[in-house]
Amino acid sequence: MLAAYLAVDAVLFAVQGIRGFHIVSETLFDTALLMVFFTLVLAIWRKTGRFNQTAIALLGTGALIMIAALPPSLVATLLPSSPVTEAAKALLYVVLAWSIFVMGHVIRHALDTGLFTGTVIAAAYTLLNLVLFAVFFPIKG
């Protein structure tokens, strides 16, 4: 599952215009952040015995969601600004929300807690991911 996640993550970064070594560094950073964050969450809830199944679920669902994000990412990146590209960008926000809810569902089962708590943790992870990427890998343009 890790290999699939890494491969799809790298392809998604390439579709978004990332090139060369930056694809490798951003893919590894993204994957490491996912694993470290949820290892800490499981440790706080004293559920570290569930790491393997949680990691597999997060990596597998993450890879599937990234595959779903590929077509709108291609449209948003490659086509000139138009109503179609704006619709593709809007669809990417839908995919982001879907990702948060799926991650929240996985976390809810890993922690034996409610969907709201799982979703809040997933949203916190997503926000942390976006902020850290903005700091360490700023968009040039």
C-alpha atoms as a PDB file:
ATOM      1  CA  MET A   1       0.000   0.000   0.000  1.00  0.00           C
ATOM      2  CA  LEU A   2       2.900   2.333   0.750  1.00  0.00           C
ATOM      3  CA  ALA A   3       4.303   1.902  -2.764  1.00  0.00           C
ATOM      4  CA  ALA A   4       0.919   2.670  -4.325  1.00  0.00           C
ATOM      5  CA  TYR A   5       0.518   5.795  -2.176  1.00  0.00           C
ATOM      6  CA  LEU A   6       4.021   7.019  -3.018  1.00  0.00           C
ATOM      7  CA  ALA A   7       3.526   6.404  -6.739  1.00  0.00           C
ATOM      8  CA  VAL A   8       0.147   8.143  -6.978  1.00  0.00           C
ATOM      9  CA  ASP A   9       1.352  11.012  -4.777  1.00  0.00           C
ATOM     10  CA  ALA A  10       4.355  11.534  -7.074  1.00  0.00           C
ATOM     11  CA  VAL A  11       2.134  11.481 -10.170  1.00  0.00           C
ATOM     12  CA  LEU A  12      -0.239  14.008  -8.602  1.00  0.00           C
ATOM     13  CA  PHE A  13       2.672  16.326  -7.772  1.00  0.00           C
ATOM     14  CA  ALA A  14       3.937  15.970 -11.364  1.00  0.00           C
ATOM     15  CA  VAL A  15       0.462  16.819 -12.713  1.00  0.00           C
ATOM     16  CA  GLN A  16       0.521  19.944 -10.539  1.00  0.00           C
ATOM     17  CA  GLY A  17       3.753  21.058 -12.202  1.00  0.00           C
ATOM     18  CA  ILE A  18       6.301  19.895  -9.645  1.00  0.00           C
ATOM     19  CA  ARG A  19       9.471  18.674 -11.361  1.00  0.00           C
ATOM     20  CA  GLY A  20      12.699  16.799 -10.662  1.00  0.00           C
ATOM     21  CA  PHE A  21      13.959  16.221  -7.141  1.00  0.00           C
ATOM     22  CA  HIS A  22      11.077  18.291  -5.763  1.00  0.00           C
ATOM     23  CA  ILE A  23       8.681  15.458  -6.650  1.00  0.00           C
ATOM     24  CA  VAL A  24      10.715  13.051  -4.512  1.00  0.00           C
ATOM     25  CA  SER A  25      11.142  15.438  -1.588  1.00  0.00           C
ATOM     26  CA  GLU A  26       7.493  16.511  -1.537  1.00  0.00           C
ATOM     27  CA  THR A  27       6.242  12.934  -1.866  1.00  0.00           C
ATOM     28  CA  LEU A  28       8.466  11.719   0.972  1.00  0.00           C
ATOM     29  CA  PHE A  29       7.557  14.708   3.148  1.00  0.00           C
ATOM     30  CA  ASP A  30       3.827  14.180   2.552  1.00  0.00           C
ATOM     31  CA  THR A  31       4.022  10.475   3.377  1.00  0.00           C
ATOM     32  CA  ALA A  32       6.240  10.965   6.440  1.00  0.00           C
ATOM     33  CA  LEU A  33       3.934  13.678   7.776  1.00  0.00           C
ATOM     34  CA  LEU A  34       0.926  11.389   7.391  1.00  0.00           C
ATOM     35  CA  MET A  35       2.628   8.537   9.235  1.00  0.00           C
ATOM     36  CA  VAL A  36       4.130  10.667  12.023  1.00  0.00           C
ATOM     37  CA  PHE A  37       0.948  12.624  12.684  1.00  0.00           C
ATOM     38  CA  PHE A  38      -1.256   9.561  12.964  1.00  0.00           C
ATOM     39  CA  THR A  39       1.348   7.657  14.976  1.00  0.00           C
ATOM     40  CA  LEU A  40       1.188  10.500  17.500  1.00  0.00           C
ATOM     41  CA  VAL A  41      -2.627  10.489  17.445  1.00  0.00           C
ATOM     42  CA  LEU A  42      -2.702   6.737  18.065  1.00  0.00           C
ATOM     43  CA  ALA A  43      -0.142   7.113  20.860  1.00  0.00           C
ATOM     44  CA  ILE A  44      -2.168   9.854  22.557  1.00  0.00           C
ATOM     45  CA  TRP A  45      -5.247   7.585  22.497  1.00  0.00           C
ATOM     46  CA  ARG A  46      -3.100   4.597  23.561  1.00  0.00           C
ATOM     47  CA  LYS A  47      -4.030   2.653  20.427  1.00  0.00           C
ATOM     48  CA  THR A  48      -0.566   2.114  18.910  1.00  0.00           C
ATOM     49  CA  GLY A  49      -1.405  -1.553  18.356  1.00  0.00           C
ATOM     50  CA  ARG A  50      -3.693  -0.367  15.569  1.00  0.00           C
ATOM     51  CA  PHE A  51      -0.920   1.403  13.650  1.00  0.00           C
ATOM     52  CA  ASN A  52      -0.574  -1.157  10.843  1.00  0.00           C
ATOM     53  CA  GLN A  53      -4.268  -1.385  10.019  1.00  0.00           C
ATOM     54  CA  THR A  54      -4.687   2.387  10.323  1.00  0.00           C
ATOM     55  CA  ALA A  55      -1.673   3.086   8.123  1.00  0.00           C
ATOM     56  CA  ILE A  56      -2.879   0.629   5.474  1.00  0.00           C
ATOM     57  CA  ALA A  57      -6.365   2.175   5.522  1.00  0.00           C
ATOM     58  CA  LEU A  58      -5.032   5.739   5.306  1.00  0.00           C
ATOM     59  CA  LEU A  59      -2.527   4.912   2.564  1.00  0.00           C
ATOM     60  CA  GLY A  60      -5.046   2.909   0.537  1.00  0.00           C
ATOM     61  CA  THR A  61      -7.878   5.419   0.742  1.00  0.00           C
ATOM     62  CA  GLY A  62      -5.411   8.258   0.201  1.00  0.00           C
ATOM     63  CA  ALA A  63      -4.142   6.641  -3.000  1.00  0.00           C
ATOM     64  CA  LEU A  64      -7.700   6.160  -4.281  1.00  0.00           C
ATOM     65  CA  ILE A  65      -8.658   9.746  -3.490  1.00  0.00           C
ATOM     66  CA  MET A  66      -5.511  11.054  -5.195  1.00  0.00           C
ATOM     67  CA  ILE A  67      -6.440   9.028  -8.297  1.00  0.00           C
ATOM     68  CA  ALA A  68      -9.833  10.763  -8.223  1.00  0.00           C
ATOM     69  CA  ALA A  69      -8.031  14.131  -7.953  1.00  0.00           C
ATOM     70  CA  LEU A  70      -5.887  13.508 -11.045  1.00  0.00           C
ATOM     71  CA  PRO A  71      -8.414  14.490 -13.779  1.00  0.00           C
ATOM     72  CA  PRO A  72      -9.500  17.803 -12.209  1.00  0.00           C
ATOM     73  CA  SER A  73      -5.854  18.577 -11.365  1.00  0.00           C
ATOM     74  CA  LEU A  74      -4.888  18.021 -14.997  1.00  0.00           C
ATOM     75  CA  VAL A  75      -7.674  20.293 -16.205  1.00  0.00           C
ATOM     76  CA  ALA A  76      -6.907  22.995 -13.615  1.00  0.00           C
ATOM     77  CA  THR A  77      -3.183  22.908 -14.392  1.00  0.00           C
ATOM     78  CA  LEU A  78      -3.026  22.465 -18.159  1.00  0.00           C
ATOM     79  CA  LEU A  79      -5.962  24.439 -19.553  1.00  0.00           C
ATOM     80  CA  PRO A  80      -6.117  28.229 -19.699  1.00  0.00           C
ATOM     81  CA  SER A  81      -8.442  29.973 -17.295  1.00  0.00           C
ATOM     82  CA  SER A  82     -12.055  29.313 -18.239  1.00  0.00           C
ATOM     83  CA  PRO A  83     -15.309  28.157 -16.667  1.00  0.00           C
ATOM     84  CA  VAL A  84     -14.077  24.572 -17.136  1.00  0.00           C
ATOM     85  CA  THR A  85     -10.893  25.194 -15.154  1.00  0.00           C
ATOM     86  CA  GLU A  86     -12.870  26.978 -12.455  1.00  0.00           C
ATOM     87  CA  ALA A  87     -15.211  23.978 -12.233  1.00  0.00           C
ATOM     88  CA  ALA A  88     -12.176  21.676 -11.991  1.00  0.00           C
ATOM     89  CA  LYS A  89     -10.774  23.786  -9.149  1.00  0.00           C
ATOM     90  CA  ALA A  90     -14.129  23.629  -7.369  1.00  0.00           C
ATOM     91  CA  LEU A  91     -14.167  19.869  -7.837  1.00  0.00           C
ATOM     92  CA  LEU A  92     -10.748  19.687  -6.172  1.00  0.00           C
ATOM     93  CA  TYR A  93     -12.292  21.292  -3.069  1.00  0.00           C
ATOM     94  CA  VAL A  94     -14.971  18.604  -3.124  1.00  0.00           C
ATOM     95  CA  VAL A  95     -12.241  15.939  -3.323  1.00  0.00           C
ATOM     96  CA  LEU A  96     -10.440  17.623  -0.399  1.00  0.00           C
ATOM     97  CA  ALA A  97     -13.611  17.535   1.702  1.00  0.00           C
ATOM     98  CA  TRP A  98     -14.199  13.905   0.722  1.00  0.00           C
ATOM     99  CA  SER A  99     -10.625  13.114   1.760  1.00  0.00           C
ATOM    100  CA  ILE A 100     -11.143  14.696   5.180  1.00  0.00           C
ATOM    101  CA  PHE A 101     -14.353  12.745   5.786  1.00  0.00           C
ATOM    102  CA  VAL A 102     -12.825   9.442   4.658  1.00  0.00           C
ATOM    103  CA  MET A 103      -9.773  10.040   6.848  1.00  0.00           C
ATOM    104  CA  GLY A 104     -12.100  10.963   9.711  1.00  0.00           C
ATOM    105  CA  HIS A 105     -13.981   7.694   9.231  1.00  0.00           C
ATOM    106  CA  VAL A 106     -10.737   5.687   9.366  1.00  0.00           C
ATOM    107  CA  ILE A 107      -9.570   7.551  12.478  1.00  0.00           C
ATOM    108  CA  ARG A 108     -12.916   7.141  14.183  1.00  0.00           C
ATOM    109  CA  HIS A 109     -12.584   3.369  13.937  1.00  0.00           C
ATOM    110  CA  ALA A 110      -8.909   3.394  14.902  1.00  0.00           C
ATOM    111  CA  LEU A 111      -9.627   5.401  18.050  1.00  0.00           C
ATOM    112  CA  ASP A 112     -13.063   3.962  18.906  1.00  0.00           C
ATOM    113  CA  THR A 113     -14.503   7.455  18.893  1.00  0.00           C
ATOM    114  CA  GLY A 114     -17.181   9.355  17.035  1.00  0.00           C
ATOM    115  CA  LEU A 115     -17.158  10.515  13.441  1.00  0.00           C
ATOM    116  CA  PHE A 116     -17.051  14.148  14.555  1.00  0.00           C
ATOM    117  CA  THR A 117     -13.842  13.592  16.545  1.00  0.00           C
ATOM    118  CA  GLY A 118     -12.260  11.623  13.703  1.00  0.00           C
ATOM    119  CA  THR A 119     -13.189  14.327  11.212  1.00  0.00           C
ATOM    120  CA  VAL A 120     -11.817  17.116  13.422  1.00  0.00           C
ATOM    121  CA  ILE A 121      -8.518  15.222  13.723  1.00  0.00           C
ATOM    122  CA  ALA A 122      -8.459  14.670   9.945  1.00  0.00           C
ATOM    123  CA  ALA A 123      -9.184  18.359   9.341  1.00  0.00           C
ATOM    124  CA  ALA A 124      -6.392  19.322  11.762  1.00  0.00           C
ATOM    125  CA  TYR A 125      -3.999  17.041   9.867  1.00  0.00           C
ATOM    126  CA  THR A 126      -5.086  18.531   6.525  1.00  0.00           C
ATOM    127  CA  LEU A 127      -4.591  22.075   7.797  1.00  0.00           C
ATOM    128  CA  LEU A 128      -1.165  21.171   9.209  1.00  0.00           C
ATOM    129  CA  ASN A 129      -0.256  19.557   5.870  1.00  0.00           C
ATOM    130  CA  LEU A 130      -1.282  22.646   3.899  1.00  0.00           C
ATOM    131  CA  VAL A 131       0.577  25.025   6.222  1.00  0.00           C
ATOM    132  CA  LEU A 132       3.768  22.954   6.279  1.00  0.00           C
ATOM    133  CA  PHE A 133       3.743  22.596   2.497  1.00  0.00           C
ATOM    134  CA  ALA A 134       3.311  26.367   2.149  1.00  0.00           C
ATOM    135  CA  VAL A 135       6.285  26.923   4.455  1.00  0.00           C
ATOM    136  CA  PHE A 136       8.676  24.251   3.173  1.00  0.00           C
ATOM    137  CA  PHE A 137       7.603  24.089  -0.491  1.00  0.00           C
ATOM    138  CA  PRO A 138       6.273  27.552  -1.403  1.00  0.00           C
ATOM    139  CA  ILE A 139       4.657  27.910  -4.801  1.00  0.00           C
ATOM    140  CA  LYS A 140       6.905  29.823  -7.144  1.00  0.00           C
ATOM    141  CA  GLY A 141       5.185  32.142  -9.513  1.00  0.00           C
END
